[in-house]
Amino acid sequence: MNPHFTPLFATMTAEGQLILKFIGILGLIVLIPAGIVLFRNQDRWFGRSSDPSSETSGSLTYGLAQTWLVYVGLLHLVLWLVFGL
C-alpha cells in the first residue's frame, strides 16, 4: 500500500468521515466569528490610509476582494467537510 494515499482510504471508513466532519465543525466555529469580525472591520482594515501616497481605490478594493475570496473559499471547504462527505 502506498503511504501517500492513506488519508484517502481513511475517509472511506465511517471513523474517517467522523473525524473530517469534526474538523469541519471546528472550522465553522472558528470561521463564522472571523467572518463577522472581518465584516465589521473591513473599512478600518482596508480603507484609506494616509501613509502610502500611491494608494488607489482599485488597489483597496482588490485587497478587500482577495481577503473575502480566501474567506469564502475556506468557508466552502469547511461546509463540504461537514455536509458533503
N, C-alpha and C. Protein backbone atom coordinates (compact mmCIF):
# COMPACT_ATOMS: atom_id res chain seq x y z
N MET A 1 0.84 -1.17 0.00
CA MET A 1 0.00 0.00 0.00
C MET A 1 0.89 1.24 0.00
N ASN A 2 0.53 2.20 -0.83
CA ASN A 2 1.27 3.43 -0.93
C ASN A 2 0.91 4.35 0.25
N PRO A 3 1.90 4.80 1.04
CA PRO A 3 1.56 5.62 2.21
C PRO A 3 1.02 6.99 1.85
N HIS A 4 1.20 7.43 0.60
CA HIS A 4 0.69 8.75 0.22
C HIS A 4 -0.83 8.76 0.08
N PHE A 5 -1.45 7.61 -0.13
CA PHE A 5 -2.89 7.54 -0.30
C PHE A 5 -3.61 7.10 0.97
N THR A 6 -2.91 6.97 2.07
CA THR A 6 -3.52 6.53 3.31
C THR A 6 -4.62 7.48 3.79
N PRO A 7 -4.46 8.82 3.72
CA PRO A 7 -5.57 9.68 4.15
C PRO A 7 -6.82 9.51 3.28
N LEU A 8 -6.66 9.20 2.01
CA LEU A 8 -7.82 8.97 1.16
C LEU A 8 -8.57 7.71 1.58
N PHE A 9 -7.84 6.69 1.98
CA PHE A 9 -8.51 5.47 2.43
C PHE A 9 -9.18 5.69 3.78
N ALA A 10 -8.64 6.59 4.59
CA ALA A 10 -9.24 6.86 5.91
C ALA A 10 -10.61 7.49 5.76
N THR A 11 -10.83 8.27 4.71
CA THR A 11 -12.13 8.91 4.54
C THR A 11 -13.19 7.93 4.07
N MET A 12 -12.79 6.77 3.61
CA MET A 12 -13.78 5.80 3.15
C MET A 12 -14.45 5.07 4.31
N THR A 13 -13.85 5.10 5.47
CA THR A 13 -14.45 4.44 6.62
C THR A 13 -15.33 5.43 7.37
N ALA A 14 -16.22 4.91 8.15
CA ALA A 14 -17.11 5.78 8.94
C ALA A 14 -16.33 6.58 9.97
N GLU A 15 -15.28 5.99 10.54
CA GLU A 15 -14.48 6.70 11.53
C GLU A 15 -13.72 7.85 10.88
N GLY A 16 -13.22 7.64 9.67
CA GLY A 16 -12.51 8.70 8.97
C GLY A 16 -13.42 9.85 8.61
N GLN A 17 -14.64 9.54 8.20
CA GLN A 17 -15.61 10.60 7.89
C GLN A 17 -16.00 11.36 9.14
N LEU A 18 -16.13 10.67 10.25
CA LEU A 18 -16.49 11.33 11.50
C LEU A 18 -15.40 12.31 11.92
N ILE A 19 -14.14 11.93 11.75
CA ILE A 19 -13.03 12.82 12.11
C ILE A 19 -13.03 14.05 11.21
N LEU A 20 -13.25 13.87 9.91
CA LEU A 20 -13.28 15.01 9.00
C LEU A 20 -14.48 15.92 9.27
N LYS A 21 -15.61 15.34 9.62
CA LYS A 21 -16.77 16.17 9.98
C LYS A 21 -16.50 16.95 11.26
N PHE A 22 -15.82 16.36 12.21
CA PHE A 22 -15.46 17.05 13.44
C PHE A 22 -14.51 18.21 13.14
N ILE A 23 -13.54 17.99 12.25
CA ILE A 23 -12.64 19.07 11.84
C ILE A 23 -13.42 20.18 11.16
N GLY A 24 -14.41 19.82 10.34
CA GLY A 24 -15.24 20.81 9.68
C GLY A 24 -16.07 21.62 10.66
N ILE A 25 -16.62 20.97 11.68
CA ILE A 25 -17.40 21.68 12.69
C ILE A 25 -16.51 22.64 13.47
N LEU A 26 -15.31 22.22 13.82
CA LEU A 26 -14.38 23.12 14.49
C LEU A 26 -14.02 24.30 13.58
N GLY A 27 -13.88 24.03 12.29
CA GLY A 27 -13.60 25.11 11.35
C GLY A 27 -14.74 26.10 11.27
N LEU A 28 -15.99 25.62 11.30
CA LEU A 28 -17.13 26.52 11.30
C LEU A 28 -17.17 27.38 12.57
N ILE A 29 -16.83 26.77 13.68
CA ILE A 29 -16.82 27.50 14.94
C ILE A 29 -15.79 28.63 14.90
N VAL A 30 -14.70 28.43 14.19
CA VAL A 30 -13.68 29.47 14.07
C VAL A 30 -14.01 30.47 12.97
N LEU A 31 -14.50 29.99 11.82
CA LEU A 31 -14.68 30.86 10.66
C LEU A 31 -15.89 31.80 10.76
N ILE A 32 -16.95 31.39 11.39
CA ILE A 32 -18.12 32.27 11.47
C ILE A 32 -17.82 33.53 12.28
N PRO A 33 -17.23 33.43 13.48
CA PRO A 33 -16.87 34.67 14.17
C PRO A 33 -15.79 35.47 13.43
N ALA A 34 -14.87 34.80 12.74
CA ALA A 34 -13.85 35.51 11.97
C ALA A 34 -14.49 36.31 10.83
N GLY A 35 -15.52 35.77 10.21
CA GLY A 35 -16.23 36.49 9.16
C GLY A 35 -16.96 37.71 9.70
N ILE A 36 -17.53 37.58 10.88
CA ILE A 36 -18.22 38.72 11.50
C ILE A 36 -17.21 39.82 11.83
N VAL A 37 -16.07 39.45 12.37
CA VAL A 37 -15.02 40.43 12.68
C VAL A 37 -14.51 41.08 11.40
N LEU A 38 -14.31 40.30 10.35
CA LEU A 38 -13.86 40.84 9.08
C LEU A 38 -14.88 41.80 8.49
N PHE A 39 -16.15 41.46 8.57
CA PHE A 39 -17.20 42.33 8.04
C PHE A 39 -17.28 43.65 8.80
N ARG A 40 -17.18 43.58 10.12
CA ARG A 40 -17.29 44.80 10.93
C ARG A 40 -16.08 45.71 10.77
N ASN A 41 -14.90 45.16 10.53
CA ASN A 41 -13.68 45.96 10.49
C ASN A 41 -13.12 46.16 9.09
N GLN A 42 -13.86 45.81 8.05
CA GLN A 42 -13.29 45.88 6.71
C GLN A 42 -12.98 47.32 6.29
N ASP A 43 -13.76 48.30 6.69
CA ASP A 43 -13.45 49.68 6.34
C ASP A 43 -12.20 50.18 7.06
N ARG A 44 -12.03 49.79 8.29
CA ARG A 44 -10.86 50.22 9.04
C ARG A 44 -9.59 49.52 8.54
N TRP A 45 -9.70 48.22 8.22
CA TRP A 45 -8.53 47.47 7.80
C TRP A 45 -8.16 47.72 6.34
N PHE A 46 -9.16 47.94 5.49
CA PHE A 46 -8.90 48.08 4.06
C PHE A 46 -9.29 49.46 3.53
N GLY A 47 -9.55 50.40 4.41
CA GLY A 47 -9.94 51.74 3.99
C GLY A 47 -8.72 52.59 3.65
N ARG A 48 -8.97 53.85 3.42
CA ARG A 48 -7.90 54.80 3.09
C ARG A 48 -6.94 54.97 4.25
N SER A 49 -5.68 55.08 3.91
CA SER A 49 -4.63 55.32 4.89
C SER A 49 -3.82 56.53 4.43
N SER A 50 -3.29 57.27 5.36
CA SER A 50 -2.52 58.46 5.00
C SER A 50 -1.06 58.13 4.68
N ASP A 51 -0.60 56.92 4.96
CA ASP A 51 0.80 56.57 4.76
C ASP A 51 1.19 56.43 3.28
N PRO A 52 0.61 55.49 2.52
CA PRO A 52 1.06 55.35 1.13
C PRO A 52 0.43 56.42 0.23
N SER A 53 1.27 57.09 -0.56
CA SER A 53 0.75 58.15 -1.41
C SER A 53 0.21 57.64 -2.74
N SER A 54 0.61 56.43 -3.15
CA SER A 54 0.17 55.90 -4.44
C SER A 54 -1.03 54.96 -4.32
N GLU A 55 -1.76 55.06 -3.24
CA GLU A 55 -2.90 54.18 -3.00
C GLU A 55 -4.10 54.63 -3.84
N THR A 56 -4.68 53.68 -4.57
CA THR A 56 -5.85 53.99 -5.39
C THR A 56 -7.05 53.22 -4.87
N SER A 57 -8.23 53.62 -5.30
CA SER A 57 -9.43 52.91 -4.86
C SER A 57 -9.45 51.49 -5.43
N GLY A 58 -8.87 51.31 -6.61
CA GLY A 58 -8.80 49.97 -7.20
C GLY A 58 -7.93 49.03 -6.39
N SER A 59 -6.81 49.52 -5.90
CA SER A 59 -5.94 48.66 -5.09
C SER A 59 -6.59 48.33 -3.75
N LEU A 60 -7.33 49.27 -3.19
CA LEU A 60 -8.03 48.99 -1.93
C LEU A 60 -9.11 47.93 -2.13
N THR A 61 -9.86 48.06 -3.21
CA THR A 61 -10.92 47.08 -3.50
C THR A 61 -10.33 45.72 -3.83
N TYR A 62 -9.19 45.70 -4.51
CA TYR A 62 -8.54 44.44 -4.88
C TYR A 62 -8.10 43.68 -3.62
N GLY A 63 -7.51 44.37 -2.66
CA GLY A 63 -7.10 43.71 -1.42
C GLY A 63 -8.29 43.18 -0.63
N LEU A 64 -9.36 43.96 -0.60
CA LEU A 64 -10.57 43.52 0.10
C LEU A 64 -11.19 42.31 -0.59
N ALA A 65 -11.22 42.34 -1.92
CA ALA A 65 -11.79 41.21 -2.66
C ALA A 65 -10.97 39.94 -2.47
N GLN A 66 -9.65 40.07 -2.44
CA GLN A 66 -8.81 38.89 -2.22
C GLN A 66 -9.05 38.29 -0.83
N THR A 67 -9.20 39.16 0.16
CA THR A 67 -9.44 38.67 1.52
C THR A 67 -10.77 37.95 1.61
N TRP A 68 -11.83 38.51 1.01
CA TRP A 68 -13.13 37.85 1.05
C TRP A 68 -13.11 36.56 0.23
N LEU A 69 -12.33 36.53 -0.84
CA LEU A 69 -12.23 35.31 -1.64
C LEU A 69 -11.60 34.17 -0.85
N VAL A 70 -10.56 34.47 -0.10
CA VAL A 70 -9.93 33.46 0.76
C VAL A 70 -10.92 33.00 1.83
N TYR A 71 -11.66 33.94 2.42
CA TYR A 71 -12.62 33.58 3.45
C TYR A 71 -13.73 32.68 2.89
N VAL A 72 -14.28 33.05 1.73
CA VAL A 72 -15.35 32.24 1.14
C VAL A 72 -14.83 30.87 0.72
N GLY A 73 -13.60 30.80 0.24
CA GLY A 73 -13.01 29.51 -0.11
C GLY A 73 -12.85 28.60 1.10
N LEU A 74 -12.37 29.16 2.19
CA LEU A 74 -12.25 28.37 3.42
C LEU A 74 -13.61 27.94 3.95
N LEU A 75 -14.58 28.84 3.87
CA LEU A 75 -15.93 28.50 4.31
C LEU A 75 -16.52 27.38 3.45
N HIS A 76 -16.28 27.43 2.16
CA HIS A 76 -16.77 26.38 1.26
C HIS A 76 -16.12 25.04 1.60
N LEU A 77 -14.83 25.04 1.86
CA LEU A 77 -14.13 23.81 2.22
C LEU A 77 -14.67 23.23 3.52
N VAL A 78 -14.89 24.07 4.51
CA VAL A 78 -15.39 23.59 5.80
C VAL A 78 -16.82 23.07 5.67
N LEU A 79 -17.65 23.78 4.91
CA LEU A 79 -19.02 23.30 4.71
C LEU A 79 -19.03 21.97 3.96
N TRP A 80 -18.11 21.78 3.03
CA TRP A 80 -18.03 20.50 2.33
C TRP A 80 -17.63 19.39 3.29
N LEU A 81 -16.72 19.69 4.22
CA LEU A 81 -16.32 18.68 5.20
C LEU A 81 -17.50 18.30 6.10
N VAL A 82 -18.32 19.27 6.46
CA VAL A 82 -19.42 18.99 7.37
C VAL A 82 -20.57 18.29 6.66
N PHE A 83 -20.98 18.81 5.50
CA PHE A 83 -22.19 18.31 4.84
C PHE A 83 -21.94 17.47 3.60
N GLY A 84 -20.77 17.59 2.98
CA GLY A 84 -20.55 16.95 1.69
C GLY A 84 -20.04 15.53 1.74
N LEU A 85 -19.49 15.12 2.86
CA LEU A 85 -18.93 13.76 2.92
C LEU A 85 -20.01 12.72 3.13
